[in-house]
N, C-alpha and C. Protein backbone atom coordinates (compact mmCIF):
# COMPACT_ATOMS: atom_id res chain seq x y z
N MET A 1 37.64 -120.14 -24.56
CA MET A 1 38.56 -120.61 -23.37
C MET A 1 39.34 -119.80 -22.80
N ASP A 2 39.19 -120.01 -21.57
CA ASP A 2 40.30 -119.15 -20.32
C ASP A 2 41.51 -119.40 -20.78
N GLU A 3 42.51 -118.36 -21.17
CA GLU A 3 43.83 -118.11 -21.37
C GLU A 3 44.75 -118.42 -19.83
N ARG A 4 43.99 -118.04 -18.88
CA ARG A 4 44.72 -117.83 -17.58
C ARG A 4 45.58 -118.94 -17.29
N PRO A 5 44.54 -120.69 -17.18
CA PRO A 5 45.53 -121.64 -16.82
C PRO A 5 46.68 -121.99 -17.92
N ASN A 6 46.71 -121.38 -18.98
CA ASN A 6 47.77 -121.49 -19.85
C ASN A 6 48.53 -120.61 -19.20
N ARG A 7 48.34 -119.36 -18.73
CA ARG A 7 49.56 -118.28 -18.94
C ARG A 7 50.42 -118.95 -17.14
N ARG A 8 49.50 -119.47 -16.47
CA ARG A 8 49.54 -120.01 -15.34
C ARG A 8 51.18 -121.40 -15.24
N LEU A 9 50.47 -121.86 -16.60
CA LEU A 9 51.15 -123.21 -17.10
C LEU A 9 52.53 -122.89 -17.49
N LEU A 10 52.54 -121.83 -18.47
CA LEU A 10 53.80 -121.55 -18.77
C LEU A 10 54.67 -120.63 -18.07
N SER A 11 54.28 -119.98 -16.86
CA SER A 11 54.78 -119.43 -16.15
C SER A 11 55.57 -120.14 -15.35
N VAL A 12 54.78 -121.59 -14.87
CA VAL A 12 55.80 -122.40 -14.28
C VAL A 12 56.78 -122.60 -15.00
N LEU A 13 56.41 -123.05 -16.17
CA LEU A 13 57.32 -123.56 -16.97
C LEU A 13 58.58 -123.07 -17.03
N ASP A 14 58.44 -121.64 -17.47
CA ASP A 14 59.48 -120.62 -17.53
C ASP A 14 60.70 -120.61 -16.32
N TRP A 15 60.28 -120.84 -14.88
CA TRP A 15 60.20 -120.73 -13.65
C TRP A 15 61.09 -121.68 -13.90
N THR A 16 60.45 -123.09 -13.90
CA THR A 16 61.46 -124.07 -14.33
C THR A 16 62.42 -124.42 -14.80
N GLU A 17 62.53 -123.55 -16.28
CA GLU A 17 63.65 -123.62 -16.70
C GLU A 17 64.44 -122.86 -16.37
N SER A 18 64.15 -121.64 -15.80
CA SER A 18 65.06 -120.63 -15.21
C SER A 18 65.68 -121.40 -13.73
N LEU A 19 65.43 -122.47 -13.09
CA LEU A 19 65.82 -123.08 -12.22
C LEU A 19 66.61 -123.88 -12.46
N ALA A 20 66.49 -124.67 -13.96
CA ALA A 20 67.33 -125.87 -14.32
C ALA A 20 68.57 -125.14 -14.88
N SER A 21 68.48 -123.49 -15.39
CA SER A 21 69.75 -123.29 -15.86
C SER A 21 70.38 -122.78 -14.83
N LEU A 22 70.46 -122.44 -13.74
CA LEU A 22 70.65 -121.78 -12.50
C LEU A 22 71.50 -122.98 -11.87
N LEU A 23 70.66 -124.42 -12.08
CA LEU A 23 71.65 -125.29 -11.50
C LEU A 23 72.79 -125.99 -12.50
N LEU A 24 72.29 -125.92 -13.97
CA LEU A 24 73.28 -126.39 -14.89
C LEU A 24 74.60 -125.14 -14.94
N LEU A 25 74.07 -123.92 -14.27
CA LEU A 25 75.47 -122.95 -14.29
C LEU A 25 76.18 -123.72 -13.08
N ALA A 26 76.03 -123.53 -12.24
CA ALA A 26 76.62 -124.27 -10.97
C ALA A 26 77.20 -125.41 -10.97
N LEU A 27 76.64 -126.31 -11.59
CA LEU A 27 77.42 -127.82 -11.74
C LEU A 27 78.65 -127.40 -12.93
N VAL A 28 78.78 -126.66 -14.12
CA VAL A 28 79.87 -125.97 -14.91
C VAL A 28 80.67 -125.10 -14.08
N TYR A 29 80.28 -124.40 -13.22
CA TYR A 29 81.15 -123.73 -12.33
C TYR A 29 82.34 -124.52 -11.06
N PHE A 30 81.01 -125.73 -10.72
CA PHE A 30 81.96 -126.35 -10.00
C PHE A 30 82.68 -127.55 -10.82
N LEU A 31 82.33 -127.67 -12.05
CA LEU A 31 83.57 -128.17 -12.97
C LEU A 31 84.51 -127.76 -13.08
N VAL A 32 84.80 -126.66 -13.80
CA VAL A 32 85.47 -125.65 -13.70
C VAL A 32 86.05 -125.67 -12.50
N ILE A 33 85.99 -125.34 -11.16
CA ILE A 33 86.69 -125.05 -10.25
C ILE A 33 87.12 -126.37 -9.70
N ALA A 34 86.72 -127.48 -9.90
CA ALA A 34 87.39 -128.88 -9.59
C ALA A 34 88.41 -128.93 -10.47
N ALA A 35 88.38 -128.55 -11.86
CA ALA A 35 89.49 -129.33 -12.49
C ALA A 35 90.86 -127.61 -12.42
N THR A 36 90.25 -126.76 -12.21
CA THR A 36 91.18 -125.65 -11.35
C THR A 36 92.19 -126.37 -10.31
N ILE A 37 91.32 -126.91 -9.29
CA ILE A 37 92.08 -127.35 -8.44
C ILE A 37 92.97 -128.75 -8.39
N CYS A 38 92.41 -129.54 -9.37
CA CYS A 38 93.03 -130.64 -9.84
C CYS A 38 94.49 -130.27 -10.42
N LEU A 39 94.35 -129.42 -11.27
CA LEU A 39 95.74 -128.85 -12.23
C LEU A 39 96.90 -127.97 -11.22
N ILE A 40 96.17 -127.61 -10.28
CA ILE A 40 97.05 -126.98 -9.45
C ILE A 40 97.81 -127.92 -8.57
N TRP A 41 96.77 -129.01 -7.85
CA TRP A 41 97.75 -130.23 -7.04
C TRP A 41 98.62 -130.87 -8.26
N LEU A 42 98.05 -131.23 -9.38
CA LEU A 42 99.03 -131.98 -10.45
C LEU A 42 100.38 -131.44 -10.46
N LEU A 43 100.21 -129.54 -10.55
CA LEU A 43 101.78 -128.63 -11.03
C LEU A 43 102.78 -128.64 -9.89
N ARG A 44 102.00 -128.76 -8.17
CA ARG A 44 102.71 -128.72 -6.80
C ARG A 44 103.52 -130.16 -6.80
N ASN A 45 102.86 -131.74 -7.24
CA ASN A 45 102.79 -132.91 -6.79
C ASN A 45 103.02 -133.61 -7.86
N ALA A 46 103.35 -133.10 -9.24
CA ALA A 46 103.80 -133.94 -10.23
C ALA A 46 104.85 -134.86 -10.06
N PRO A 47 104.88 -136.30 -10.37
CA PRO A 47 105.74 -137.50 -9.80
C PRO A 47 107.08 -137.04 -10.85
N GLU A 48 107.93 -137.70 -10.45
CA GLU A 48 109.57 -137.65 -11.34
C GLU A 48 109.15 -137.88 -12.71
N GLY A 49 109.28 -137.57 -13.80
CA GLY A 49 109.31 -137.81 -14.55
C GLY A 49 107.84 -137.46 -16.16
N PHE A 50 107.63 -136.87 -14.81
CA PHE A 50 105.44 -136.57 -15.24
C PHE A 50 105.91 -135.49 -16.23
N GLY A 51 105.55 -136.01 -17.74
CA GLY A 51 105.68 -134.54 -18.97
C GLY A 51 106.45 -135.17 -20.01
N GLY A 52 107.02 -136.15 -19.55
CA GLY A 52 107.77 -136.52 -20.44
C GLY A 52 107.69 -137.27 -21.97
N GLN A 53 106.28 -137.49 -21.94
CA GLN A 53 105.71 -137.63 -23.22
C GLN A 53 104.34 -136.99 -23.85
N ALA A 54 104.48 -135.91 -23.29
CA ALA A 54 103.90 -135.03 -23.69
C ALA A 54 102.33 -134.95 -22.97
N GLU A 55 102.53 -135.49 -21.58
CA GLU A 55 100.97 -135.72 -20.91
C GLU A 55 101.05 -133.71 -20.43
N TRP A 56 101.47 -132.99 -20.31
CA TRP A 56 101.41 -131.71 -20.19
C TRP A 56 100.27 -131.06 -21.25
N PHE A 57 101.14 -131.46 -22.78
CA PHE A 57 100.13 -130.68 -23.67
C PHE A 57 98.49 -131.55 -23.45
N TYR A 58 98.76 -132.76 -23.19
CA TYR A 58 96.84 -133.71 -23.05
C TYR A 58 96.30 -132.85 -21.93
N VAL A 59 96.73 -132.40 -20.84
CA VAL A 59 96.18 -131.83 -19.55
C VAL A 59 95.97 -130.24 -20.26
N THR A 60 96.89 -129.76 -20.68
CA THR A 60 96.28 -128.73 -21.45
C THR A 60 95.46 -128.36 -22.00
N VAL A 61 95.25 -129.24 -22.94
CA VAL A 61 94.16 -129.52 -24.06
C VAL A 61 93.22 -129.68 -23.47
N GLY A 62 93.16 -130.52 -22.61
CA GLY A 62 91.78 -131.00 -21.91
C GLY A 62 91.44 -130.10 -20.94
N TYR A 63 91.72 -129.21 -20.32
CA TYR A 63 91.91 -127.83 -19.33
C TYR A 63 90.71 -126.96 -20.51
N LEU A 64 91.65 -126.61 -21.44
CA LEU A 64 91.13 -125.40 -22.43
C LEU A 64 89.75 -125.76 -22.91
N MET A 65 89.77 -127.12 -23.04
CA MET A 65 88.15 -127.83 -23.84
C MET A 65 87.46 -127.37 -22.59
N LEU A 66 87.78 -127.65 -21.32
CA LEU A 66 86.95 -127.44 -20.67
C LEU A 66 86.34 -126.10 -20.08
N ILE A 67 86.97 -125.34 -20.02
CA ILE A 67 86.78 -124.07 -19.96
C ILE A 67 86.02 -123.33 -21.45
N GLY A 68 86.36 -123.75 -22.52
CA GLY A 68 85.75 -123.43 -23.61
C GLY A 68 84.00 -123.87 -23.15
N TRP A 69 83.98 -125.03 -22.96
CA TRP A 69 82.46 -125.33 -22.94
C TRP A 69 81.99 -124.77 -22.04
N ALA A 70 82.89 -124.53 -20.87
CA ALA A 70 82.13 -123.75 -19.83
C ALA A 70 81.66 -122.37 -20.14
N ILE A 71 82.34 -121.76 -20.85
CA ILE A 71 82.00 -120.46 -21.75
C ILE A 71 80.48 -120.84 -22.50
N GLY A 72 80.66 -121.70 -23.39
CA GLY A 72 79.91 -121.54 -24.08
C GLY A 72 78.36 -122.13 -23.48
N GLN A 73 78.55 -122.84 -22.34
CA GLN A 73 76.83 -123.23 -21.93
C GLN A 73 76.62 -122.31 -20.62
N THR A 74 77.37 -120.81 -20.68
CA THR A 74 77.22 -119.75 -19.98
C THR A 74 76.50 -118.86 -20.87
N ILE A 75 77.31 -118.68 -22.22
CA ILE A 75 76.22 -117.92 -23.16
C ILE A 75 75.10 -118.52 -23.49
N VAL A 76 74.78 -119.93 -23.62
CA VAL A 76 73.53 -120.49 -24.01
C VAL A 76 72.74 -120.46 -22.82
N VAL A 77 73.06 -120.45 -21.59
CA VAL A 77 72.03 -119.87 -20.67
C VAL A 77 71.70 -118.03 -20.57
N ILE A 78 72.51 -117.55 -20.87
CA ILE A 78 72.42 -116.37 -20.47
C ILE A 78 71.01 -116.27 -21.88
N THR A 79 71.62 -116.36 -23.01
CA THR A 79 70.83 -115.87 -24.20
C THR A 79 69.60 -116.74 -23.66
N ARG A 80 69.26 -117.75 -23.00
CA ARG A 80 68.17 -118.11 -22.74
C ARG A 80 67.52 -117.63 -21.56
N SER A 81 67.71 -116.75 -20.48
CA SER A 81 67.63 -116.39 -20.12
C SER A 81 66.73 -114.78 -20.19
N ARG A 82 67.64 -113.99 -21.50
CA ARG A 82 67.09 -113.17 -21.96
C ARG A 82 65.58 -113.25 -22.68
N ARG A 83 65.64 -114.65 -23.27
CA ARG A 83 64.63 -114.89 -24.33
C ARG A 83 63.19 -114.72 -23.10
N LEU A 84 63.76 -115.36 -22.10
CA LEU A 84 62.16 -115.61 -21.27
C LEU A 84 62.05 -114.37 -20.51
N ARG A 85 62.83 -113.59 -20.42
CA ARG A 85 62.80 -111.97 -19.65
C ARG A 85 61.24 -111.28 -20.58
N ARG A 86 61.62 -111.44 -21.91
CA ARG A 86 60.65 -110.75 -22.80
C ARG A 86 59.37 -111.09 -22.43
N SER A 87 58.05 -109.65 -22.70
CA SER A 87 57.08 -109.80 -21.96
C SER A 87 56.55 -110.39 -23.59
N GLU A 88 55.26 -111.23 -23.05
CA GLU A 88 53.90 -111.91 -23.86
C GLU A 88 53.93 -110.63 -25.36
N ASP A 89 54.17 -109.52 -24.98
CA ASP A 89 54.01 -108.31 -25.82
C ASP A 89 54.80 -108.06 -26.87
N ASP A 90 55.94 -108.29 -26.80
CA ASP A 90 57.01 -108.42 -27.52
C ASP A 90 57.52 -109.55 -28.41
N ILE A 91 56.49 -110.98 -28.09
CA ILE A 91 57.10 -112.44 -28.84
C ILE A 91 55.76 -112.19 -29.77
N SER A 92 55.70 -111.88 -30.86
CA SER A 92 54.61 -111.69 -32.11
C SER A 92 55.01 -112.27 -33.48
N ILE A 93 54.20 -113.57 -33.80
CA ILE A 93 54.75 -113.76 -34.82
C ILE A 93 53.60 -113.63 -36.01
N PRO A 94 54.80 -112.96 -36.84
CA PRO A 94 53.87 -111.90 -37.90
C PRO A 94 53.22 -113.32 -39.20
N LEU A 95 52.14 -113.10 -39.67
CA LEU A 95 50.97 -113.83 -40.72
C LEU A 95 51.71 -113.18 -41.88
N PRO A 96 51.90 -113.86 -42.57
CA PRO A 96 51.90 -113.53 -44.24
C PRO A 96 51.11 -112.88 -44.60
N LYS A 97 50.76 -111.98 -45.86
CA LYS A 97 49.36 -111.44 -46.30
C LYS A 97 49.44 -112.21 -47.88
N VAL A 98 48.38 -112.62 -47.95
CA VAL A 98 48.44 -113.23 -49.58
C VAL A 98 47.21 -112.64 -50.05
N GLU A 99 47.44 -111.92 -51.01
CA GLU A 99 46.46 -111.26 -51.99
C GLU A 99 46.20 -112.24 -53.54
N SER A 100 45.19 -112.03 -54.09
CA SER A 100 45.22 -112.53 -55.32
C SER A 100 44.71 -112.07 -56.37
N GLY A 101 45.00 -111.92 -57.79
CA GLY A 101 44.67 -111.10 -58.73
C GLY A 101 44.28 -111.76 -59.71
N PRO A 102 44.32 -111.00 -60.68
CA PRO A 102 43.87 -111.67 -62.31
C PRO A 102 45.46 -112.23 -62.93
N SER A 103 46.66 -111.66 -62.21
CA SER A 103 47.84 -111.68 -62.61
C SER A 103 48.50 -112.80 -61.90
N GLY A 104 48.17 -113.10 -60.64
CA GLY A 104 48.60 -114.38 -60.12
C GLY A 104 48.51 -113.94 -58.33
N PHE A 105 49.25 -114.38 -57.78
CA PHE A 105 49.23 -114.09 -56.41
C PHE A 105 50.19 -113.23 -55.59
N SER A 106 49.98 -112.37 -54.21
CA SER A 106 51.30 -111.57 -53.43
C SER A 106 51.34 -111.86 -52.25
N LEU A 107 52.24 -112.55 -51.78
CA LEU A 107 52.73 -112.79 -50.31
C LEU A 107 53.36 -111.62 -50.21
N GLN A 108 52.89 -111.21 -49.16
CA GLN A 108 54.08 -110.60 -48.19
C GLN A 108 54.22 -110.36 -47.17
N TRP A 109 55.08 -110.67 -46.29
CA TRP A 109 56.01 -110.98 -45.17
C TRP A 109 56.54 -110.01 -44.33
N GLY A 110 55.91 -109.47 -42.76
CA GLY A 110 56.19 -108.26 -42.50
C GLY A 110 55.25 -106.90 -42.30
N SER A 111 55.43 -106.36 -41.87
CA SER A 111 54.61 -105.06 -42.07
C SER A 111 55.17 -103.55 -42.51
N LYS A 112 55.02 -102.78 -42.68
CA LYS A 112 55.27 -101.09 -43.14
C LYS A 112 55.63 -100.78 -41.76
N PRO A 113 56.94 -100.33 -41.84
CA PRO A 113 56.96 -99.40 -40.80
C PRO A 113 55.89 -97.66 -40.46
N PRO A 114 55.74 -97.49 -39.67
CA PRO A 114 54.93 -96.73 -38.70
C PRO A 114 55.13 -95.19 -40.08
N GLY A 115 53.82 -94.84 -40.63
CA GLY A 115 53.62 -93.77 -41.62
C GLY A 115 53.58 -94.40 -42.53
N GLY A 116 53.45 -95.88 -42.98
CA GLY A 116 53.35 -96.32 -44.42
C GLY A 116 53.69 -96.39 -45.32
N SER A 117 55.24 -95.43 -45.43
CA SER A 117 56.18 -95.34 -46.70
C SER A 117 57.60 -96.32 -46.06
N GLY A 118 58.04 -96.77 -47.32
CA GLY A 118 59.09 -97.33 -47.40
C GLY A 118 58.57 -99.21 -47.34
N GLN A 119 59.50 -99.46 -47.06
CA GLN A 119 59.47 -101.61 -46.72
C GLN A 119 59.61 -101.95 -45.58
N ALA A 120 59.18 -102.50 -44.98
CA ALA A 120 59.36 -102.69 -43.67
C ALA A 120 60.80 -103.59 -43.22
N LYS A 121 61.40 -103.94 -42.14
CA LYS A 121 62.94 -104.35 -42.07
C LYS A 121 62.98 -105.86 -42.36
N ASN A 122 61.76 -106.56 -41.72
CA ASN A 122 61.47 -107.90 -42.27
C ASN A 122 60.55 -108.37 -42.78
N SER A 123 60.39 -107.61 -44.18
CA SER A 123 59.36 -108.07 -45.43
C SER A 123 59.30 -108.43 -46.48
N TRP A 124 58.88 -109.37 -46.80
CA TRP A 124 59.64 -109.83 -48.20
C TRP A 124 58.60 -110.07 -49.19
N THR A 125 58.52 -109.66 -50.26
CA THR A 125 57.19 -109.34 -51.11
C THR A 125 57.97 -109.96 -52.55
N SER A 126 56.12 -110.79 -53.08
CA SER A 126 57.00 -111.87 -53.97
C SER A 126 55.35 -112.11 -54.80
N ASN A 127 55.43 -111.51 -55.91
CA ASN A 127 54.23 -111.92 -57.46
C ASN A 127 54.53 -113.06 -57.99
N LEU A 128 53.81 -114.17 -57.69
CA LEU A 128 53.71 -115.15 -58.75
C LEU A 128 52.84 -115.32 -59.37
N GLN A 129 53.16 -115.38 -60.65
CA GLN A 129 52.60 -115.31 -61.71
C GLN A 129 51.65 -116.78 -62.15
N THR A 130 50.30 -116.79 -61.93
CA THR A 130 49.78 -118.19 -62.58
C THR A 130 50.21 -118.42 -64.12
N GLN A 131 50.09 -117.25 -64.65
CA GLN A 131 50.22 -117.89 -66.34
C GLN A 131 52.10 -117.97 -66.79
N PRO A 132 52.28 -118.73 -67.28
CA PRO A 132 54.16 -118.82 -67.55
C PRO A 132 54.19 -117.80 -68.70
N THR A 133 55.74 -117.44 -68.55
CA THR A 133 56.23 -116.41 -69.17
C THR A 133 57.36 -117.46 -70.65
N THR A 134 57.29 -117.09 -71.30
CA THR A 134 57.85 -117.41 -72.45
C THR A 134 58.52 -116.68 -73.05
N PHE A 135 59.95 -117.14 -73.39
CA PHE A 135 60.73 -116.63 -74.44
C PHE A 135 61.32 -117.28 -75.05
N ARG A 136 61.28 -116.46 -76.53
CA ARG A 136 61.98 -117.49 -77.79
C ARG A 136 63.49 -116.69 -77.93
N VAL A 137 64.22 -117.81 -78.17
CA VAL A 137 66.18 -117.51 -78.67
C VAL A 137 65.91 -118.04 -80.38
N ASP A 138 66.34 -117.32 -81.13
CA ASP A 138 66.98 -117.63 -82.64
C ASP A 138 68.35 -118.46 -82.41
N ASP A 139 68.62 -118.84 -83.37
CA ASP A 139 70.32 -119.96 -83.61
C ASP A 139 71.01 -118.52 -83.20
N ALA A 140 70.67 -117.30 -84.24
CA ALA A 140 71.31 -116.12 -84.28
C ALA A 140 71.98 -115.33 -82.96
N GLN A 141 70.67 -115.58 -81.70
CA GLN A 141 71.26 -114.88 -80.38
C GLN A 141 71.77 -115.82 -79.53
N LEU A 142 71.87 -117.27 -79.97
CA LEU A 142 72.31 -118.08 -79.31
C LEU A 142 74.11 -118.52 -79.64
N ASN A 143 74.04 -118.02 -81.00
CA ASN A 143 75.74 -117.61 -81.73
C ASN A 143 76.23 -117.08 -80.94
N PHE A 144 75.73 -115.67 -80.41
CA PHE A 144 76.24 -114.51 -80.12
C PHE A 144 76.75 -114.60 -78.73
N ALA A 145 75.42 -115.67 -77.78
CA ALA A 145 75.70 -115.87 -76.29
C ALA A 145 76.76 -116.74 -76.08
N GLN A 146 76.96 -118.04 -76.95
CA GLN A 146 78.03 -118.50 -77.15
C GLN A 146 79.71 -118.16 -77.20
N ALA A 147 79.36 -116.93 -78.11
CA ALA A 147 80.97 -116.20 -78.68
C ALA A 147 81.43 -115.45 -77.40
N ALA A 148 80.09 -115.05 -77.37
CA ALA A 148 80.25 -113.72 -75.99
C ALA A 148 80.98 -114.90 -74.50
N ALA A 149 80.18 -115.63 -74.48
CA ALA A 149 80.35 -117.14 -72.94
C ALA A 149 81.87 -117.14 -73.29
N ASP A 150 82.82 -117.26 -74.14
CA ASP A 150 84.03 -118.07 -74.50
C ASP A 150 84.63 -116.77 -74.60
N ALA A 151 84.40 -115.65 -74.62
CA ALA A 151 85.39 -114.64 -74.60
C ALA A 151 85.33 -113.79 -73.04
N GLY A 152 84.51 -114.55 -72.33
CA GLY A 152 84.66 -114.18 -70.81
C GLY A 152 83.46 -113.43 -70.39
N ARG A 153 82.71 -113.06 -70.93
CA ARG A 153 81.73 -111.73 -70.85
C ARG A 153 80.81 -112.63 -69.76
N ALA A 154 80.42 -111.64 -68.46
CA ALA A 154 79.58 -111.93 -67.83
C ALA A 154 78.32 -112.23 -68.17
N TRP A 155 77.35 -113.24 -67.57
CA TRP A 155 76.07 -113.71 -68.04
C TRP A 155 75.25 -112.85 -67.90
N ASP A 156 75.28 -111.87 -66.64
CA ASP A 156 74.15 -110.52 -66.82
C ASP A 156 74.26 -109.75 -68.34
N ASP A 157 75.25 -109.41 -68.56
CA ASP A 157 75.29 -108.61 -69.97
C ASP A 157 75.17 -109.79 -71.21
N ILE A 158 75.55 -110.67 -71.17
CA ILE A 158 75.11 -111.98 -72.19
C ILE A 158 73.50 -111.36 -72.67
N CYS A 159 72.69 -112.18 -71.30
CA CYS A 159 71.18 -112.01 -71.33
C CYS A 159 70.86 -110.87 -71.38
N ARG A 160 71.24 -109.70 -71.18
CA ARG A 160 70.93 -108.32 -71.38
C ARG A 160 70.48 -107.97 -73.12
N GLU A 161 72.01 -108.49 -73.83
CA GLU A 161 72.03 -108.42 -74.88
C GLU A 161 70.90 -108.99 -75.85
N ILE A 162 70.82 -110.36 -75.26
CA ILE A 162 69.91 -111.31 -76.01
C ILE A 162 68.30 -110.62 -75.98
N ASN A 163 68.08 -110.31 -74.62
CA ASN A 163 66.94 -110.03 -74.43
C ASN A 163 66.41 -108.65 -73.92
N PRO A 164 66.02 -107.50 -74.22
CA PRO A 164 65.76 -106.43 -73.94
C PRO A 164 64.95 -105.94 -72.67
N GLN A 165 64.32 -107.12 -72.39
CA GLN A 165 63.12 -107.18 -70.96
C GLN A 165 63.94 -107.96 -69.74
N TYR A 166 64.91 -108.67 -69.81
CA TYR A 166 66.30 -108.84 -68.58
C TYR A 166 66.30 -108.05 -67.68
N ASP A 167 66.48 -106.73 -67.71
CA ASP A 167 66.86 -106.33 -66.51
C ASP A 167 65.33 -106.29 -65.91
N ALA A 168 63.98 -106.17 -66.58
CA ALA A 168 62.59 -105.82 -65.65
C ALA A 168 62.00 -107.11 -65.13
N LEU A 169 62.99 -108.27 -65.63
CA LEU A 169 62.34 -109.46 -65.13
C LEU A 169 62.73 -109.68 -63.60
N PRO A 170 62.00 -110.12 -62.55
CA PRO A 170 62.32 -110.49 -60.94
C PRO A 170 63.71 -111.49 -60.92
N ASP A 171 64.45 -111.05 -59.88
CA ASP A 171 65.92 -112.32 -59.49
C ASP A 171 65.69 -113.54 -60.18
N PHE A 172 64.66 -114.09 -59.52
CA PHE A 172 64.45 -115.59 -59.64
C PHE A 172 63.85 -115.42 -61.29
N GLU A 173 63.04 -114.94 -61.86
CA GLU A 173 63.09 -115.77 -63.54
C GLU A 173 64.79 -115.05 -64.35
N ARG A 174 65.38 -113.54 -63.45
CA ARG A 174 66.61 -113.75 -64.30
C ARG A 174 67.63 -115.00 -64.20
N LYS A 175 67.49 -115.50 -62.98
CA LYS A 175 68.05 -116.89 -62.75
C LYS A 175 67.57 -118.05 -63.41
N LEU A 176 66.73 -118.20 -63.66
CA LEU A 176 66.07 -118.91 -64.37
C LEU A 176 66.35 -118.95 -66.15
N TYR A 177 66.43 -117.46 -66.63
CA TYR A 177 66.71 -117.20 -67.76
C TYR A 177 67.93 -117.44 -68.18
N GLN A 178 69.11 -117.19 -67.32
CA GLN A 178 70.60 -117.49 -67.28
C GLN A 178 70.66 -118.94 -67.56
N HIS A 179 70.15 -119.44 -66.63
CA HIS A 179 70.47 -120.87 -66.98
C HIS A 179 69.93 -121.92 -68.16
N ALA A 180 68.60 -121.17 -68.66
CA ALA A 180 68.29 -121.72 -69.83
C ALA A 180 69.19 -121.51 -71.16
N ILE A 181 69.74 -120.60 -70.78
CA ILE A 181 70.42 -120.02 -72.25
C ILE A 181 71.87 -121.06 -71.86
N ARG A 182 72.51 -120.89 -70.60
CA ARG A 182 74.27 -121.54 -70.42
C ARG A 182 73.45 -123.20 -70.76
N THR A 183 72.25 -123.84 -70.06
CA THR A 183 71.84 -124.96 -70.34
C THR A 183 72.16 -125.51 -72.25
N ALA A 184 71.45 -124.31 -72.87
CA ALA A 184 71.33 -124.50 -74.64
C ALA A 184 72.30 -124.10 -75.13
N ILE A 185 73.49 -123.63 -74.22
CA ILE A 185 74.84 -123.30 -75.16
C ILE A 185 75.76 -124.80 -75.06
N ASP A 186 75.46 -125.34 -73.71
CA ASP A 186 76.18 -126.30 -73.27
C ASP A 186 75.59 -127.30 -73.74
N GLU A 187 74.72 -127.51 -74.57
CA GLU A 187 73.65 -128.44 -75.03
C GLU A 187 74.31 -128.47 -76.98
N ARG A 188 74.31 -127.32 -77.18
CA ARG A 188 75.28 -127.07 -78.54
C ARG A 188 76.53 -127.62 -78.53
N ARG A 189 77.08 -127.52 -77.56
CA ARG A 189 78.49 -127.49 -77.44
C ARG A 189 78.73 -129.45 -77.16
N ARG A 190 78.12 -129.74 -76.54
CA ARG A 190 77.88 -131.34 -76.23
C ARG A 190 77.79 -132.09 -78.03
N GLN A 191 76.33 -131.59 -78.57
CA GLN A 191 76.26 -131.88 -79.97
C GLN A 191 77.66 -131.97 -80.92
N SER A 192 78.03 -130.37 -80.97
CA SER A 192 78.90 -130.16 -82.01
C SER A 192 80.27 -131.23 -81.80
N ARG A 193 80.34 -132.10 -80.47
CA ARG A 193 81.48 -132.38 -79.93
C ARG A 193 80.81 -134.39 -80.81
N SER A 194 80.14 -134.69 -80.01
CA SER A 194 80.00 -136.13 -81.07
C SER A 194 79.11 -135.85 -82.38
C-alpha cells in the first residue's frame, strides 16, 4: 500500500490544525484587547457611585480570569505547534519485548542505550512467574509480627524478621507479603475481640 496519500492527508491535516490554532490565538488576543479597552473606558467613564457594592472587585476578578484563560490557550497552542514540527522520524512508539521461558514470561518496554550496557531511560522489565509462590507463617512468627507492629516497628523490618527471603522478592511481591501479614494480624485481633 502506498503511504504517499496518507502523508499528503496528514500534512493537509497538520496545516489545517496550524491555521485553526492561529485563528484561535487571534480570537484570544482580540478578546483580551477588547476587554482591556472596555476596562480603560470603564475607569475613565465610571458613573457616580460605581464600586459601592464591590463592582470593581468583580470586574477585576473577571479580567484576571480572562487573562489567565488567554495565557492557558497560548501555552496549549504553542505546545501543539511544537508537537507538529517534530519530524516523523522523531515520533516512534516502542513496542514491548515479550520473552517466555520455563519460569514464566518477561516483559521489557524500551531499549538499551547505545553501547548495550545499563538500562534505558524509559524501560521497564518485569518477570511474571506462572507458578505461584507459597510462604508459610506459623503462630510464633505471627505473634512476633503482632508484637512488633504494636511496638511501632516498620512493616519492612517485621517482614524481614519473619521471612529471610523478603529482600530477594520483587517489589510487588513484597507489598503482597506485607498485606498478607497485616491481614492475618488484623484478623487475629478481630477474633480476639469477639
